[in-house]
Amino acid sequence: MKLKDWTVDILSKRFTVKWQTVTGKDFGSCDSVKCEIKIDPKAHLDQQKDTLLHECLHAIDHEMDTKMSERQVRLTATGLLPFLRANPEIVKWLLTR
């Protein structure tokens, strides 16, 4: 089944999320110049979610020039996803305007 490409807003820039096989051992990639994120559709669903968050953090890092290391991005994404899953009421509250 072909997954639908998405558009995500990252600091007022529209990034396209594409479901494509990524070369090498990575499950995704982020190109901040092209405003494009790729996620491997063959990866496990949980891995896809972690990877999407990871690549969005790379885009935020690039746009804000925070110079996070790959390790910092990986650990932040891997720590943040379970927090969001475990605390849906907090997520709902955070998203309320």
PDB file of N, CA and C in Angstrom:
ATOM      1  N   MET A   1       0.841  -1.187   0.000  1.00  0.00           N
ATOM      2  CA  MET A   1       0.000   0.000   0.000  1.00  0.00           C
ATOM      3  C   MET A   1       0.881   1.243   0.000  1.00  0.00           C
ATOM      4  N   LYS A   2       0.636   2.150  -0.911  1.00  0.00           N
ATOM      5  CA  LYS A   2       1.372   3.418  -0.981  1.00  0.00           C
ATOM      6  C   LYS A   2       0.861   4.360   0.097  1.00  0.00           C
ATOM      7  N   LEU A   3       1.772   4.859   0.890  1.00  0.00           N
ATOM      8  CA  LEU A   3       1.411   5.814   1.920  1.00  0.00           C
ATOM      9  C   LEU A   3       1.309   7.205   1.307  1.00  0.00           C
ATOM     10  N   LYS A   4       0.378   7.990   1.802  1.00  0.00           N
ATOM     11  CA  LYS A   4       0.164   9.341   1.290  1.00  0.00           C
ATOM     12  C   LYS A   4       1.252  10.276   1.810  1.00  0.00           C
ATOM     13  N   ASP A   5       1.823  11.074   0.913  1.00  0.00           N
ATOM     14  CA  ASP A   5       2.788  12.081   1.327  1.00  0.00           C
ATOM     15  C   ASP A   5       2.067  13.164   2.127  1.00  0.00           C
ATOM     16  N   TRP A   6       2.767  13.736   3.100  1.00  0.00           N
ATOM     17  CA  TRP A   6       2.206  14.776   3.955  1.00  0.00           C
ATOM     18  C   TRP A   6       2.976  16.068   3.778  1.00  0.00           C
ATOM     19  N   THR A   7       2.409  17.119   4.324  1.00  0.00           N
ATOM     20  CA  THR A   7       3.120  18.375   4.462  1.00  0.00           C
ATOM     21  C   THR A   7       3.082  18.737   5.943  1.00  0.00           C
ATOM     22  N   VAL A   8       4.236  19.085   6.498  1.00  0.00           N
ATOM     23  CA  VAL A   8       4.300  19.499   7.897  1.00  0.00           C
ATOM     24  C   VAL A   8       4.861  20.915   7.971  1.00  0.00           C
ATOM     25  N   ASP A   9       4.354  21.669   8.918  1.00  0.00           N
ATOM     26  CA  ASP A   9       4.829  23.037   9.145  1.00  0.00           C
ATOM     27  C   ASP A   9       5.928  22.985  10.192  1.00  0.00           C
ATOM     28  N   ILE A  10       7.108  23.422   9.806  1.00  0.00           N
ATOM     29  CA  ILE A  10       8.228  23.485  10.737  1.00  0.00           C
ATOM     30  C   ILE A  10       8.732  24.917  10.726  1.00  0.00           C
ATOM     31  N   LEU A  11       8.380  25.634  11.779  1.00  0.00           N
ATOM     32  CA  LEU A  11       8.762  27.038  11.929  1.00  0.00           C
ATOM     33  C   LEU A  11       8.347  27.853  10.707  1.00  0.00           C
ATOM     34  N   SER A  12       7.095  27.664  10.303  1.00  0.00           N
ATOM     35  CA  SER A  12       6.458  28.386   9.186  1.00  0.00           C
ATOM     36  C   SER A  12       7.027  28.022   7.819  1.00  0.00           C
ATOM     37  N   LYS A  13       7.728  26.919   7.733  1.00  0.00           N
ATOM     38  CA  LYS A  13       8.184  26.398   6.435  1.00  0.00           C
ATOM     39  C   LYS A  13       7.495  25.067   6.208  1.00  0.00           C
ATOM     40  N   ARG A  14       6.983  24.888   5.005  1.00  0.00           N
ATOM     41  CA  ARG A  14       6.241  23.674   4.678  1.00  0.00           C
ATOM     42  C   ARG A  14       7.205  22.613   4.141  1.00  0.00           C
ATOM     43  N   PHE A  15       7.373  21.558   4.932  1.00  0.00           N
ATOM     44  CA  PHE A  15       8.210  20.430   4.543  1.00  0.00           C
ATOM     45  C   PHE A  15       7.309  19.322   4.003  1.00  0.00           C
ATOM     46  N   THR A  16       7.719  18.712   2.909  1.00  0.00           N
ATOM     47  CA  THR A  16       7.015  17.563   2.369  1.00  0.00           C
ATOM     48  C   THR A  16       7.582  16.311   3.023  1.00  0.00           C
ATOM     49  N   VAL A  17       6.694  15.452   3.508  1.00  0.00           N
ATOM     50  CA  VAL A  17       7.102  14.161   4.056  1.00  0.00           C
ATOM     51  C   VAL A  17       6.792  13.112   3.004  1.00  0.00           C
ATOM     52  N   LYS A  18       7.836  12.465   2.520  1.00  0.00           N
ATOM     53  CA  LYS A  18       7.689  11.451   1.474  1.00  0.00           C
ATOM     54  C   LYS A  18       8.044  10.083   2.037  1.00  0.00           C
ATOM     55  N   TRP A  19       7.306   9.092   1.590  1.00  0.00           N
ATOM     56  CA  TRP A  19       7.539   7.703   2.002  1.00  0.00           C
ATOM     57  C   TRP A  19       8.384   7.050   0.919  1.00  0.00           C
ATOM     58  N   GLN A  20       9.702   7.045   1.136  1.00  0.00           N
ATOM     59  CA  GLN A  20      10.639   6.494   0.162  1.00  0.00           C
ATOM     60  C   GLN A  20      11.741   5.742   0.885  1.00  0.00           C
ATOM     61  N   THR A  21      12.234   4.706   0.223  1.00  0.00           N
ATOM     62  CA  THR A  21      13.368   3.978   0.769  1.00  0.00           C
ATOM     63  C   THR A  21      14.564   4.915   0.824  1.00  0.00           C
ATOM     64  N   VAL A  22      15.251   4.888   1.947  1.00  0.00           N
ATOM     65  CA  VAL A  22      16.408   5.750   2.152  1.00  0.00           C
ATOM     66  C   VAL A  22      17.657   4.886   2.042  1.00  0.00           C
ATOM     67  N   THR A  23      18.666   5.391   1.366  1.00  0.00           N
ATOM     68  CA  THR A  23      19.896   4.612   1.186  1.00  0.00           C
ATOM     69  C   THR A  23      20.673   4.527   2.491  1.00  0.00           C
ATOM     70  N   GLY A  24      21.460   3.486   2.607  1.00  0.00           N
ATOM     71  CA  GLY A  24      22.272   3.299   3.802  1.00  0.00           C
ATOM     72  C   GLY A  24      21.483   2.621   4.907  1.00  0.00           C
ATOM     73  N   LYS A  25      21.938   2.812   6.131  1.00  0.00           N
ATOM     74  CA  LYS A  25      21.318   2.145   7.265  1.00  0.00           C
ATOM     75  C   LYS A  25      20.261   2.998   7.953  1.00  0.00           C
ATOM     76  N   ASP A  26      20.040   4.210   7.466  1.00  0.00           N
ATOM     77  CA  ASP A  26      19.080   5.115   8.093  1.00  0.00           C
ATOM     78  C   ASP A  26      17.651   4.775   7.705  1.00  0.00           C
ATOM     79  N   PHE A  27      16.718   5.173   8.553  1.00  0.00           N
ATOM     80  CA  PHE A  27      15.294   4.978   8.283  1.00  0.00           C
ATOM     81  C   PHE A  27      14.655   6.234   7.725  1.00  0.00           C
ATOM     82  N   GLY A  28      15.410   7.324   7.645  1.00  0.00           N
ATOM     83  CA  GLY A  28      14.865   8.574   7.137  1.00  0.00           C
ATOM     84  C   GLY A  28      15.962   9.568   6.850  1.00  0.00           C
ATOM     85  N   SER A  29      15.534  10.694   6.264  1.00  0.00           N
ATOM     86  CA  SER A  29      16.476  11.773   5.986  1.00  0.00           C
ATOM     87  C   SER A  29      15.726  13.097   5.961  1.00  0.00           C
ATOM     88  N   CYS A  30      16.472  14.172   6.174  1.00  0.00           N
ATOM     89  CA  CYS A  30      15.902  15.514   6.131  1.00  0.00           C
ATOM     90  C   CYS A  30      16.785  16.393   5.269  1.00  0.00           C
ATOM     91  N   ASP A  31      16.179  17.048   4.302  1.00  0.00           N
ATOM     92  CA  ASP A  31      16.881  18.015   3.464  1.00  0.00           C
ATOM     93  C   ASP A  31      16.229  19.372   3.714  1.00  0.00           C
ATOM     94  N   SER A  32      16.872  20.184   4.539  1.00  0.00           N
ATOM     95  CA  SER A  32      16.294  21.484   4.902  1.00  0.00           C
ATOM     96  C   SER A  32      16.331  22.486   3.763  1.00  0.00           C
ATOM     97  N   VAL A  33      17.206  22.286   2.785  1.00  0.00           N
ATOM     98  CA  VAL A  33      17.255  23.177   1.618  1.00  0.00           C
ATOM     99  C   VAL A  33      16.031  22.934   0.729  1.00  0.00           C
ATOM    100  N   LYS A  34      15.711  21.650   0.491  1.00  0.00           N
ATOM    101  CA  LYS A  34      14.546  21.299  -0.330  1.00  0.00           C
ATOM    102  C   LYS A  34      13.255  21.245   0.480  1.00  0.00           C
ATOM    103  N   CYS A  35      13.360  21.414   1.803  1.00  0.00           N
ATOM    104  CA  CYS A  35      12.204  21.275   2.712  1.00  0.00           C
ATOM    105  C   CYS A  35      11.524  19.925   2.471  1.00  0.00           C
ATOM    106  N   GLU A  36      12.329  18.867   2.604  1.00  0.00           N
ATOM    107  CA  GLU A  36      11.851  17.520   2.311  1.00  0.00           C
ATOM    108  C   GLU A  36      12.352  16.528   3.356  1.00  0.00           C
ATOM    109  N   ILE A  37      11.422  15.730   3.856  1.00  0.00           N
ATOM    110  CA  ILE A  37      11.733  14.663   4.795  1.00  0.00           C
ATOM    111  C   ILE A  37      11.329  13.352   4.136  1.00  0.00           C
ATOM    112  N   LYS A  38      12.211  12.369   4.200  1.00  0.00           N
ATOM    113  CA  LYS A  38      11.903  11.041   3.661  1.00  0.00           C
ATOM    114  C   LYS A  38      11.880  10.041   4.804  1.00  0.00           C
ATOM    115  N   ILE A  39      10.876   9.173   4.772  1.00  0.00           N
ATOM    116  CA  ILE A  39      10.725   8.107   5.757  1.00  0.00           C
ATOM    117  C   ILE A  39      10.616   6.784   5.011  1.00  0.00           C
ATOM    118  N   ASP A  40      11.353   5.776   5.470  1.00  0.00           N
ATOM    119  CA  ASP A  40      11.338   4.472   4.818  1.00  0.00           C
ATOM    120  C   ASP A  40      10.014   3.755   5.103  1.00  0.00           C
ATOM    121  N   PRO A  41       9.202   3.497   4.078  1.00  0.00           N
ATOM    122  CA  PRO A  41       7.910   2.842   4.293  1.00  0.00           C
ATOM    123  C   PRO A  41       8.034   1.375   4.709  1.00  0.00           C
ATOM    124  N   LYS A  42       9.220   0.795   4.545  1.00  0.00           N
ATOM    125  CA  LYS A  42       9.422  -0.611   4.916  1.00  0.00           C
ATOM    126  C   LYS A  42       9.742  -0.772   6.402  1.00  0.00           C
ATOM    127  N   ALA A  43      10.075   0.332   7.055  1.00  0.00           N
ATOM    128  CA  ALA A  43      10.406   0.261   8.487  1.00  0.00           C
ATOM    129  C   ALA A  43       9.142  -0.044   9.287  1.00  0.00           C
ATOM    130  N   HIS A  44       9.331  -0.612  10.458  1.00  0.00           N
ATOM    131  CA  HIS A  44       8.220  -0.894  11.372  1.00  0.00           C
ATOM    132  C   HIS A  44       7.510   0.427  11.705  1.00  0.00           C
ATOM    133  N   LEU A  45       6.207   0.384  11.934  1.00  0.00           N
ATOM    134  CA  LEU A  45       5.419   1.588  12.212  1.00  0.00           C
ATOM    135  C   LEU A  45       5.998   2.399  13.367  1.00  0.00           C
ATOM    136  N   ASP A  46       6.397   1.740  14.445  1.00  0.00           N
ATOM    137  CA  ASP A  46       6.997   2.464  15.568  1.00  0.00           C
ATOM    138  C   ASP A  46       8.296   3.147  15.151  1.00  0.00           C
ATOM    139  N   GLN A  47       9.071   2.492  14.304  1.00  0.00           N
ATOM    140  CA  GLN A  47      10.312   3.086  13.807  1.00  0.00           C
ATOM    141  C   GLN A  47      10.010   4.271  12.901  1.00  0.00           C
ATOM    142  N   GLN A  48       8.975   4.172  12.080  1.00  0.00           N
ATOM    143  CA  GLN A  48       8.584   5.292  11.221  1.00  0.00           C
ATOM    144  C   GLN A  48       8.222   6.518  12.054  1.00  0.00           C
ATOM    145  N   LYS A  49       7.480   6.310  13.136  1.00  0.00           N
ATOM    146  CA  LYS A  49       7.068   7.427  13.989  1.00  0.00           C
ATOM    147  C   LYS A  49       8.274   8.069  14.666  1.00  0.00           C
ATOM    148  N   ASP A  50       9.151   7.238  15.203  1.00  0.00           N
ATOM    149  CA  ASP A  50      10.366   7.757  15.831  1.00  0.00           C
ATOM    150  C   ASP A  50      11.202   8.510  14.809  1.00  0.00           C
ATOM    151  N   THR A  51      11.310   7.967  13.610  1.00  0.00           N
ATOM    152  CA  THR A  51      12.118   8.585  12.557  1.00  0.00           C
ATOM    153  C   THR A  51      11.509   9.905  12.106  1.00  0.00           C
ATOM    154  N   LEU A  52      10.199   9.976  11.964  1.00  0.00           N
ATOM    155  CA  LEU A  52       9.572  11.236  11.564  1.00  0.00           C
ATOM    156  C   LEU A  52       9.862  12.318  12.596  1.00  0.00           C
ATOM    157  N   LEU A  53       9.706  11.997  13.864  1.00  0.00           N
ATOM    158  CA  LEU A  53      10.011  12.966  14.914  1.00  0.00           C
ATOM    159  C   LEU A  53      11.490  13.351  14.862  1.00  0.00           C
ATOM    160  N   HIS A  54      12.350  12.381  14.673  1.00  0.00           N
ATOM    161  CA  HIS A  54      13.798  12.604  14.566  1.00  0.00           C
ATOM    162  C   HIS A  54      14.118  13.579  13.429  1.00  0.00           C
ATOM    163  N   GLU A  55      13.550  13.325  12.264  1.00  0.00           N
ATOM    164  CA  GLU A  55      13.847  14.174  11.103  1.00  0.00           C
ATOM    165  C   GLU A  55      13.251  15.581  11.264  1.00  0.00           C
ATOM    166  N   CYS A  56      12.096  15.681  11.913  1.00  0.00           N
ATOM    167  CA  CYS A  56      11.518  17.008  12.203  1.00  0.00           C
ATOM    168  C   CYS A  56      12.432  17.777  13.158  1.00  0.00           C
ATOM    169  N   LEU A  57      13.024  17.068  14.119  1.00  0.00           N
ATOM    170  CA  LEU A  57      13.975  17.726  15.018  1.00  0.00           C
ATOM    171  C   LEU A  57      15.210  18.211  14.261  1.00  0.00           C
ATOM    172  N   HIS A  58      15.652  17.452  13.266  1.00  0.00           N
ATOM    173  CA  HIS A  58      16.764  17.918  12.426  1.00  0.00           C
ATOM    174  C   HIS A  58      16.377  19.219  11.716  1.00  0.00           C
ATOM    175  N   ALA A  59      15.159  19.284  11.196  1.00  0.00           N
ATOM    176  CA  ALA A  59      14.712  20.494  10.507  1.00  0.00           C
ATOM    177  C   ALA A  59      14.657  21.684  11.467  1.00  0.00           C
ATOM    178  N   ILE A  60      14.119  21.456  12.663  1.00  0.00           N
ATOM    179  CA  ILE A  60      14.062  22.520  13.670  1.00  0.00           C
ATOM    180  C   ILE A  60      15.477  22.956  14.042  1.00  0.00           C
ATOM    181  N   ASP A  61      16.338  21.981  14.249  1.00  0.00           N
ATOM    182  CA  ASP A  61      17.736  22.261  14.584  1.00  0.00           C
ATOM    183  C   ASP A  61      18.378  23.121  13.497  1.00  0.00           C
ATOM    184  N   HIS A  62      18.156  22.770  12.249  1.00  0.00           N
ATOM    185  CA  HIS A  62      18.744  23.526  11.142  1.00  0.00           C
ATOM    186  C   HIS A  62      18.190  24.949  11.097  1.00  0.00           C
ATOM    187  N   GLU A  63      16.879  25.074  11.207  1.00  0.00           N
ATOM    188  CA  GLU A  63      16.243  26.398  11.105  1.00  0.00           C
ATOM    189  C   GLU A  63      16.628  27.312  12.272  1.00  0.00           C
ATOM    190  N   MET A  64      16.857  26.723  13.436  1.00  0.00           N
ATOM    191  CA  MET A  64      17.180  27.529  14.615  1.00  0.00           C
ATOM    192  C   MET A  64      18.684  27.595  14.888  1.00  0.00           C
ATOM    193  N   ASP A  65      19.460  26.894  14.059  1.00  0.00           N
ATOM    194  CA  ASP A  65      20.918  26.897  14.151  1.00  0.00           C
ATOM    195  C   ASP A  65      21.405  26.530  15.557  1.00  0.00           C
ATOM    196  N   THR A  66      20.806  25.468  16.123  1.00  0.00           N
ATOM    197  CA  THR A  66      21.189  25.041  17.465  1.00  0.00           C
ATOM    198  C   THR A  66      22.400  24.109  17.476  1.00  0.00           C
ATOM    199  N   LYS A  67      22.735  23.582  16.320  1.00  0.00           N
ATOM    200  CA  LYS A  67      23.909  22.715  16.170  1.00  0.00           C
ATOM    201  C   LYS A  67      23.874  21.475  17.079  1.00  0.00           C
ATOM    202  N   MET A  68      22.704  20.854  17.156  1.00  0.00           N
ATOM    203  CA  MET A  68      22.598  19.603  17.907  1.00  0.00           C
ATOM    204  C   MET A  68      23.381  18.511  17.190  1.00  0.00           C
ATOM    205  N   SER A  69      23.996  17.653  17.953  1.00  0.00           N
ATOM    206  CA  SER A  69      24.686  16.509  17.354  1.00  0.00           C
ATOM    207  C   SER A  69      23.649  15.469  16.932  1.00  0.00           C
ATOM    208  N   GLU A  70      24.072  14.530  16.108  1.00  0.00           N
ATOM    209  CA  GLU A  70      23.182  13.434  15.710  1.00  0.00           C
ATOM    210  C   GLU A  70      22.715  12.670  16.939  1.00  0.00           C
ATOM    211  N   ARG A  71      23.594  12.474  17.883  1.00  0.00           N
ATOM    212  CA  ARG A  71      23.252  11.768  19.119  1.00  0.00           C
ATOM    213  C   ARG A  71      22.187  12.544  19.898  1.00  0.00           C
ATOM    214  N   GLN A  72      22.321  13.848  19.992  1.00  0.00           N
ATOM    215  CA  GLN A  72      21.341  14.660  20.713  1.00  0.00           C
ATOM    216  C   GLN A  72      19.968  14.591  20.040  1.00  0.00           C
ATOM    217  N   VAL A  73      19.945  14.652  18.718  1.00  0.00           N
ATOM    218  CA  VAL A  73      18.680  14.555  17.984  1.00  0.00           C
ATOM    219  C   VAL A  73      18.056  13.181  18.217  1.00  0.00           C
ATOM    220  N   ARG A  74      18.857  12.125  18.098  1.00  0.00           N
ATOM    221  CA  ARG A  74      18.347  10.759  18.280  1.00  0.00           C
ATOM    222  C   ARG A  74      17.787  10.554  19.676  1.00  0.00           C
ATOM    223  N   LEU A  75      18.530  10.965  20.676  1.00  0.00           N
ATOM    224  CA  LEU A  75      18.084  10.764  22.048  1.00  0.00           C
ATOM    225  C   LEU A  75      16.851  11.605  22.379  1.00  0.00           C
ATOM    226  N   THR A  76      16.786  12.811  21.859  1.00  0.00           N
ATOM    227  CA  THR A  76      15.621  13.664  22.107  1.00  0.00           C
ATOM    228  C   THR A  76      14.373  13.059  21.473  1.00  0.00           C
ATOM    229  N   ALA A  77      14.463  12.631  20.225  1.00  0.00           N
ATOM    230  CA  ALA A  77      13.308  12.029  19.548  1.00  0.00           C
ATOM    231  C   ALA A  77      12.876  10.742  20.242  1.00  0.00           C
ATOM    232  N   THR A  78      13.836   9.900  20.579  1.00  0.00           N
ATOM    233  CA  THR A  78      13.532   8.617  21.203  1.00  0.00           C
ATOM    234  C   THR A  78      12.972   8.797  22.615  1.00  0.00           C
ATOM    235  N   GLY A  79      13.344   9.856  23.295  1.00  0.00           N
ATOM    236  CA  GLY A  79      12.786  10.148  24.615  1.00  0.00           C
ATOM    237  C   GLY A  79      11.450  10.866  24.556  1.00  0.00           C
ATOM    238  N   LEU A  80      11.282  11.720  23.572  1.00  0.00           N
ATOM    239  CA  LEU A  80      10.065  12.526  23.466  1.00  0.00           C
ATOM    240  C   LEU A  80       8.860  11.703  23.023  1.00  0.00           C
ATOM    241  N   LEU A  81       9.043  10.783  22.101  1.00  0.00           N
ATOM    242  CA  LEU A  81       7.919  10.002  21.593  1.00  0.00           C
ATOM    243  C   LEU A  81       7.216   9.202  22.700  1.00  0.00           C
ATOM    244  N   PRO A  82       7.922   8.471  23.552  1.00  0.00           N
ATOM    245  CA  PRO A  82       7.229   7.760  24.634  1.00  0.00           C
ATOM    246  C   PRO A  82       6.556   8.717  25.627  1.00  0.00           C
ATOM    247  N   PHE A  83       7.173   9.867  25.852  1.00  0.00           N
ATOM    248  CA  PHE A  83       6.552  10.857  26.733  1.00  0.00           C
ATOM    249  C   PHE A  83       5.209  11.301  26.164  1.00  0.00           C
ATOM    250  N   LEU A  84       5.173  11.610  24.860  1.00  0.00           N
ATOM    251  CA  LEU A  84       3.930  12.044  24.217  1.00  0.00           C
ATOM    252  C   LEU A  84       2.875  10.946  24.262  1.00  0.00           C
ATOM    253  N   ARG A  85       3.290   9.701  24.024  1.00  0.00           N
ATOM    254  CA  ARG A  85       2.355   8.574  24.052  1.00  0.00           C
ATOM    255  C   ARG A  85       1.794   8.329  25.456  1.00  0.00           C
ATOM    256  N   ALA A  86       2.631   8.481  26.462  1.00  0.00           N
ATOM    257  CA  ALA A  86       2.239   8.173  27.836  1.00  0.00           C
ATOM    258  C   ALA A  86       1.408   9.286  28.482  1.00  0.00           C
ATOM    259  N   ASN A  87       1.380  10.453  27.859  1.00  0.00           N
ATOM    260  CA  ASN A  87       0.729  11.607  28.471  1.00  0.00           C
ATOM    261  C   ASN A  87      -0.208  12.327  27.503  1.00  0.00           C
ATOM    262  N   PRO A  88      -1.234  11.629  26.989  1.00  0.00           N
ATOM    263  CA  PRO A  88      -2.110  12.262  26.002  1.00  0.00           C
ATOM    264  C   PRO A  88      -2.849  13.493  26.540  1.00  0.00           C
ATOM    265  N   GLU A  89      -3.152  13.507  27.820  1.00  0.00           N
ATOM    266  CA  GLU A  89      -3.840  14.685  28.384  1.00  0.00           C
ATOM    267  C   GLU A  89      -2.923  15.903  28.386  1.00  0.00           C
ATOM    268  N   ILE A  90      -1.658  15.698  28.669  1.00  0.00           N
ATOM    269  CA  ILE A  90      -0.702  16.806  28.631  1.00  0.00           C
ATOM    270  C   ILE A  90      -0.540  17.298  27.195  1.00  0.00           C
ATOM    271  N   VAL A  91      -0.463  16.365  26.251  1.00  0.00           N
ATOM    272  CA  VAL A  91      -0.341  16.743  24.841  1.00  0.00           C
ATOM    273  C   VAL A  91      -1.563  17.558  24.418  1.00  0.00           C
ATOM    274  N   LYS A  92      -2.732  17.094  24.787  1.00  0.00           N
ATOM    275  CA  LYS A  92      -3.966  17.818  24.463  1.00  0.00           C
ATOM    276  C   LYS A  92      -3.929  19.221  25.063  1.00  0.00           C
ATOM    277  N   TRP A  93      -3.522  19.330  26.316  1.00  0.00           N
ATOM    278  CA  TRP A  93      -3.443  20.626  26.984  1.00  0.00           C
ATOM    279  C   TRP A  93      -2.411  21.536  26.301  1.00  0.00           C
ATOM    280  N   LEU A  94      -1.245  20.979  25.941  1.00  0.00           N
ATOM    281  CA  LEU A  94      -0.219  21.767  25.274  1.00  0.00           C
ATOM    282  C   LEU A  94      -0.702  22.311  23.929  1.00  0.00           C
ATOM    283  N   LEU A  95      -1.556  21.556  23.233  1.00  0.00           N
ATOM    284  CA  LEU A  95      -2.009  21.957  21.904  1.00  0.00           C
ATOM    285  C   LEU A  95      -3.227  22.876  21.925  1.00  0.00           C
ATOM    286  N   THR A  96      -3.795  23.081  23.097  1.00  0.00           N
ATOM    287  CA  THR A  96      -4.960  23.957  23.214  1.00  0.00           C
ATOM    288  C   THR A  96      -4.500  25.412  23.185  1.00  0.00           C
ATOM    289  N   ARG A  97      -5.183  26.197  22.362  1.00  0.00           N
ATOM    290  CA  ARG A  97      -4.845  27.626  22.274  1.00  0.00           C
ATOM    291  C   ARG A  97      -5.639  28.433  23.247  1.00  0.00           C
TER     292      ARG A  97
END
